[in-house]
Amino acid sequence: MLGEDHSLIHEFPEYRDIVVKLSQSNQAFAKGAKHYDALDKEIRKLELQGSPINDEAMHQLKHNRVELKDSLYQRLAIEKA
């Protein structure tokens, strides 16, 4: 769906406390989470503007977001275990 929120907290509400904890205590995670949320915001903005970039560029942004999301999720899962 266009303009849908894919922020970490929205995607993983069950990990909310861990996201907050890691964002405050782990510089690498915080940097990745900040980049992920900025990328998600950029994608949503572009979608709501009718995708004023070519399909390949949009696909690359979404690919980058999903790779970063997977990486961050792995860290969350380790922390929860």
N, C-alpha and C. Protein backbone atom coordinates (compact mmCIF):
# COMPACT_ATOMS: atom_id res chain seq x y z
N MET A 1 0.84 -1.17 0.00
CA MET A 1 0.00 0.00 0.00
C MET A 1 0.90 1.25 0.00
N LEU A 2 0.53 2.22 -0.78
CA LEU A 2 1.32 3.43 -0.89
C LEU A 2 1.30 4.26 0.39
N GLY A 3 2.45 4.76 0.77
CA GLY A 3 2.55 5.63 1.93
C GLY A 3 2.43 4.92 3.26
N GLU A 4 2.50 3.61 3.26
CA GLU A 4 2.34 2.83 4.49
C GLU A 4 3.58 2.98 5.38
N ASP A 5 3.34 3.10 6.68
CA ASP A 5 4.40 3.26 7.67
C ASP A 5 5.12 1.93 7.90
N HIS A 6 6.41 1.91 7.65
CA HIS A 6 7.23 0.72 7.89
C HIS A 6 8.31 1.01 8.93
N SER A 7 8.09 1.99 9.80
CA SER A 7 9.08 2.29 10.83
C SER A 7 9.32 1.06 11.70
N LEU A 8 10.47 0.99 12.35
CA LEU A 8 10.80 -0.18 13.16
C LEU A 8 9.76 -0.46 14.23
N ILE A 9 9.32 0.57 14.91
CA ILE A 9 8.34 0.39 15.97
C ILE A 9 7.02 -0.13 15.40
N HIS A 10 6.66 0.34 14.22
CA HIS A 10 5.42 -0.12 13.58
C HIS A 10 5.56 -1.56 13.09
N GLU A 11 6.70 -1.89 12.53
CA GLU A 11 6.93 -3.23 12.01
C GLU A 11 7.11 -4.27 13.12
N PHE A 12 7.73 -3.88 14.21
CA PHE A 12 8.03 -4.81 15.30
C PHE A 12 7.54 -4.26 16.64
N PRO A 13 6.24 -4.10 16.83
CA PRO A 13 5.76 -3.51 18.08
C PRO A 13 6.13 -4.34 19.32
N GLU A 14 6.30 -5.65 19.12
CA GLU A 14 6.66 -6.51 20.25
C GLU A 14 8.11 -6.28 20.70
N TYR A 15 8.89 -5.58 19.89
CA TYR A 15 10.29 -5.28 20.22
C TYR A 15 10.49 -3.81 20.61
N ARG A 16 9.41 -3.10 20.86
CA ARG A 16 9.49 -1.67 21.16
C ARG A 16 10.52 -1.37 22.25
N ASP A 17 10.46 -2.06 23.35
CA ASP A 17 11.38 -1.79 24.46
C ASP A 17 12.84 -2.06 24.07
N ILE A 18 13.04 -3.12 23.29
CA ILE A 18 14.40 -3.46 22.87
C ILE A 18 14.92 -2.43 21.87
N VAL A 19 14.05 -1.96 20.97
CA VAL A 19 14.46 -0.92 20.02
C VAL A 19 14.90 0.33 20.77
N VAL A 20 14.12 0.73 21.76
CA VAL A 20 14.46 1.92 22.54
C VAL A 20 15.77 1.70 23.30
N LYS A 21 15.89 0.54 23.93
CA LYS A 21 17.10 0.24 24.72
C LYS A 21 18.35 0.24 23.82
N LEU A 22 18.28 -0.47 22.70
CA LEU A 22 19.44 -0.53 21.81
C LEU A 22 19.75 0.82 21.17
N SER A 23 18.72 1.58 20.88
CA SER A 23 18.93 2.91 20.30
C SER A 23 19.67 3.83 21.26
N GLN A 24 19.52 3.58 22.55
CA GLN A 24 20.18 4.40 23.56
C GLN A 24 21.55 3.86 23.96
N SER A 25 21.74 2.54 23.83
CA SER A 25 22.96 1.94 24.36
C SER A 25 23.93 1.41 23.31
N ASN A 26 23.49 1.27 22.07
CA ASN A 26 24.32 0.67 21.05
C ASN A 26 24.41 1.62 19.86
N GLN A 27 25.56 2.23 19.71
CA GLN A 27 25.74 3.27 18.69
C GLN A 27 25.51 2.72 17.27
N ALA A 28 25.98 1.51 16.99
CA ALA A 28 25.80 0.93 15.66
C ALA A 28 24.33 0.68 15.37
N PHE A 29 23.61 0.14 16.35
CA PHE A 29 22.18 -0.10 16.16
C PHE A 29 21.44 1.22 15.99
N ALA A 30 21.77 2.19 16.82
CA ALA A 30 21.11 3.50 16.75
C ALA A 30 21.31 4.13 15.38
N LYS A 31 22.52 4.04 14.86
CA LYS A 31 22.81 4.59 13.54
C LYS A 31 22.01 3.87 12.45
N GLY A 32 21.96 2.55 12.53
CA GLY A 32 21.19 1.75 11.57
C GLY A 32 19.70 2.04 11.66
N ALA A 33 19.18 2.14 12.88
CA ALA A 33 17.76 2.42 13.07
C ALA A 33 17.40 3.80 12.55
N LYS A 34 18.26 4.76 12.79
CA LYS A 34 18.02 6.12 12.31
C LYS A 34 18.03 6.14 10.78
N HIS A 35 18.98 5.45 10.18
CA HIS A 35 19.06 5.39 8.73
C HIS A 35 17.82 4.68 8.15
N TYR A 36 17.41 3.58 8.79
CA TYR A 36 16.23 2.84 8.35
C TYR A 36 14.99 3.73 8.37
N ASP A 37 14.78 4.41 9.48
CA ASP A 37 13.59 5.26 9.60
C ASP A 37 13.63 6.43 8.60
N ALA A 38 14.82 6.99 8.35
CA ALA A 38 14.94 8.06 7.35
C ALA A 38 14.64 7.53 5.95
N LEU A 39 15.13 6.35 5.65
CA LEU A 39 14.88 5.73 4.36
C LEU A 39 13.39 5.43 4.19
N ASP A 40 12.77 4.92 5.23
CA ASP A 40 11.33 4.64 5.18
C ASP A 40 10.54 5.93 4.95
N LYS A 41 10.92 6.97 5.65
CA LYS A 41 10.23 8.25 5.49
C LYS A 41 10.39 8.78 4.06
N GLU A 42 11.59 8.65 3.50
CA GLU A 42 11.83 9.10 2.13
C GLU A 42 10.97 8.32 1.14
N ILE A 43 10.88 7.01 1.32
CA ILE A 43 10.07 6.17 0.43
C ILE A 43 8.60 6.56 0.52
N ARG A 44 8.10 6.72 1.74
CA ARG A 44 6.69 7.12 1.91
C ARG A 44 6.42 8.47 1.25
N LYS A 45 7.33 9.41 1.42
CA LYS A 45 7.16 10.73 0.82
C LYS A 45 7.11 10.63 -0.70
N LEU A 46 8.02 9.86 -1.27
CA LEU A 46 8.03 9.68 -2.72
C LEU A 46 6.76 9.00 -3.22
N GLU A 47 6.30 8.00 -2.49
CA GLU A 47 5.06 7.31 -2.88
C GLU A 47 3.87 8.26 -2.86
N LEU A 48 3.80 9.09 -1.84
CA LEU A 48 2.67 10.02 -1.73
C LEU A 48 2.74 11.13 -2.77
N GLN A 49 3.93 11.37 -3.31
CA GLN A 49 4.10 12.37 -4.37
C GLN A 49 3.95 11.75 -5.75
N GLY A 50 3.52 10.51 -5.82
CA GLY A 50 3.36 9.85 -7.11
C GLY A 50 4.65 9.28 -7.66
N SER A 51 5.60 8.97 -6.79
CA SER A 51 6.89 8.37 -7.17
C SER A 51 7.60 9.17 -8.26
N PRO A 52 8.05 10.38 -7.93
CA PRO A 52 8.71 11.22 -8.95
C PRO A 52 10.14 10.78 -9.29
N ILE A 53 10.44 9.50 -9.09
CA ILE A 53 11.73 8.94 -9.51
C ILE A 53 11.42 7.71 -10.36
N ASN A 54 12.41 7.22 -11.08
CA ASN A 54 12.14 6.06 -11.94
C ASN A 54 11.97 4.79 -11.10
N ASP A 55 11.37 3.79 -11.71
CA ASP A 55 11.06 2.55 -11.01
C ASP A 55 12.30 1.86 -10.45
N GLU A 56 13.39 1.89 -11.19
CA GLU A 56 14.61 1.24 -10.74
C GLU A 56 15.15 1.92 -9.47
N ALA A 57 15.10 3.23 -9.43
CA ALA A 57 15.57 3.96 -8.24
C ALA A 57 14.68 3.65 -7.04
N MET A 58 13.36 3.61 -7.26
CA MET A 58 12.44 3.29 -6.17
C MET A 58 12.67 1.85 -5.69
N HIS A 59 12.85 0.94 -6.62
CA HIS A 59 13.12 -0.45 -6.25
C HIS A 59 14.40 -0.54 -5.41
N GLN A 60 15.43 0.22 -5.78
CA GLN A 60 16.68 0.19 -5.03
C GLN A 60 16.49 0.72 -3.61
N LEU A 61 15.73 1.80 -3.47
CA LEU A 61 15.44 2.33 -2.13
C LEU A 61 14.73 1.28 -1.27
N LYS A 62 13.74 0.62 -1.85
CA LYS A 62 12.99 -0.39 -1.10
C LYS A 62 13.87 -1.60 -0.79
N HIS A 63 14.73 -1.96 -1.71
CA HIS A 63 15.66 -3.06 -1.47
C HIS A 63 16.60 -2.72 -0.31
N ASN A 64 17.13 -1.51 -0.31
CA ASN A 64 18.01 -1.07 0.77
C ASN A 64 17.28 -1.09 2.10
N ARG A 65 16.00 -0.66 2.09
CA ARG A 65 15.22 -0.65 3.33
C ARG A 65 15.04 -2.06 3.87
N VAL A 66 14.69 -3.01 3.00
CA VAL A 66 14.45 -4.38 3.47
C VAL A 66 15.74 -5.04 3.96
N GLU A 67 16.86 -4.78 3.31
CA GLU A 67 18.12 -5.33 3.78
C GLU A 67 18.48 -4.78 5.16
N LEU A 68 18.29 -3.50 5.34
CA LEU A 68 18.57 -2.87 6.63
C LEU A 68 17.61 -3.38 7.69
N LYS A 69 16.35 -3.54 7.32
CA LYS A 69 15.34 -4.07 8.25
C LYS A 69 15.73 -5.48 8.70
N ASP A 70 16.17 -6.32 7.78
CA ASP A 70 16.59 -7.68 8.14
C ASP A 70 17.77 -7.66 9.10
N SER A 71 18.72 -6.79 8.84
CA SER A 71 19.89 -6.68 9.70
C SER A 71 19.50 -6.22 11.11
N LEU A 72 18.65 -5.21 11.18
CA LEU A 72 18.21 -4.71 12.48
C LEU A 72 17.37 -5.75 13.22
N TYR A 73 16.54 -6.48 12.49
CA TYR A 73 15.74 -7.53 13.12
C TYR A 73 16.63 -8.61 13.73
N GLN A 74 17.68 -8.98 13.03
CA GLN A 74 18.60 -9.99 13.57
C GLN A 74 19.16 -9.53 14.92
N ARG A 75 19.51 -8.27 15.01
CA ARG A 75 20.03 -7.73 16.28
C ARG A 75 18.96 -7.75 17.35
N LEU A 76 17.72 -7.41 16.98
CA LEU A 76 16.61 -7.43 17.94
C LEU A 76 16.35 -8.85 18.44
N ALA A 77 16.37 -9.81 17.54
CA ALA A 77 16.12 -11.20 17.91
C ALA A 77 17.20 -11.73 18.85
N ILE A 78 18.45 -11.37 18.59
CA ILE A 78 19.54 -11.77 19.47
C ILE A 78 19.36 -11.16 20.86
N GLU A 79 18.99 -9.93 20.90
CA GLU A 79 18.81 -9.23 22.18
C GLU A 79 17.66 -9.81 22.98
N LYS A 80 16.61 -10.24 22.28
CA LYS A 80 15.44 -10.79 22.96
C LYS A 80 15.71 -12.19 23.52
N ALA A 81 16.59 -12.94 22.84
CA ALA A 81 16.87 -14.33 23.24
C ALA A 81 17.54 -14.44 24.59
